Amino acid sequence: MSNAVSMIHITTPNRDEAISISRTLLHNRLIACANISDHVVSLYHWMGDIEQNSEAVIVAKTQSALVPQVIEKVKSVHSYDTPAIVSCVLGESNPDYIQWVIKETTPR
């Protein structure tokens, strides 16, 4: 079993969708936990314009091997055509926390 754990940053249009996506990922044991920040101001290029919107952000933790499955699941339930789903492998971290993430994302 690999000890690589990733953090995934996902933007959503609002808190309710962020909670719904997080619950779906948790139910499927694709993530161990999700932190949601609401009322984040996002600025970005979209279709030739600079857009500014309020969004909610999910920060989820999972085994790095599960990231492709997380991306596919999020894309299947997300309301955006091109959702931001960005992951990075965690470096130095609390070993107990890493083991908890691995345990919680391992099928029972």
Foldseek 3Di string as FASTA:
>chain_A
DDLKKKKKKWKAQFDVLLVVLQVVCLVLLLFQHKDKDFQDWDWDDDPRDIDIHTIMMIITMAHPVSLVVSVVSCCVRGPDVDIRIDMDIDDDDDSVVSVSGHVSSDDD
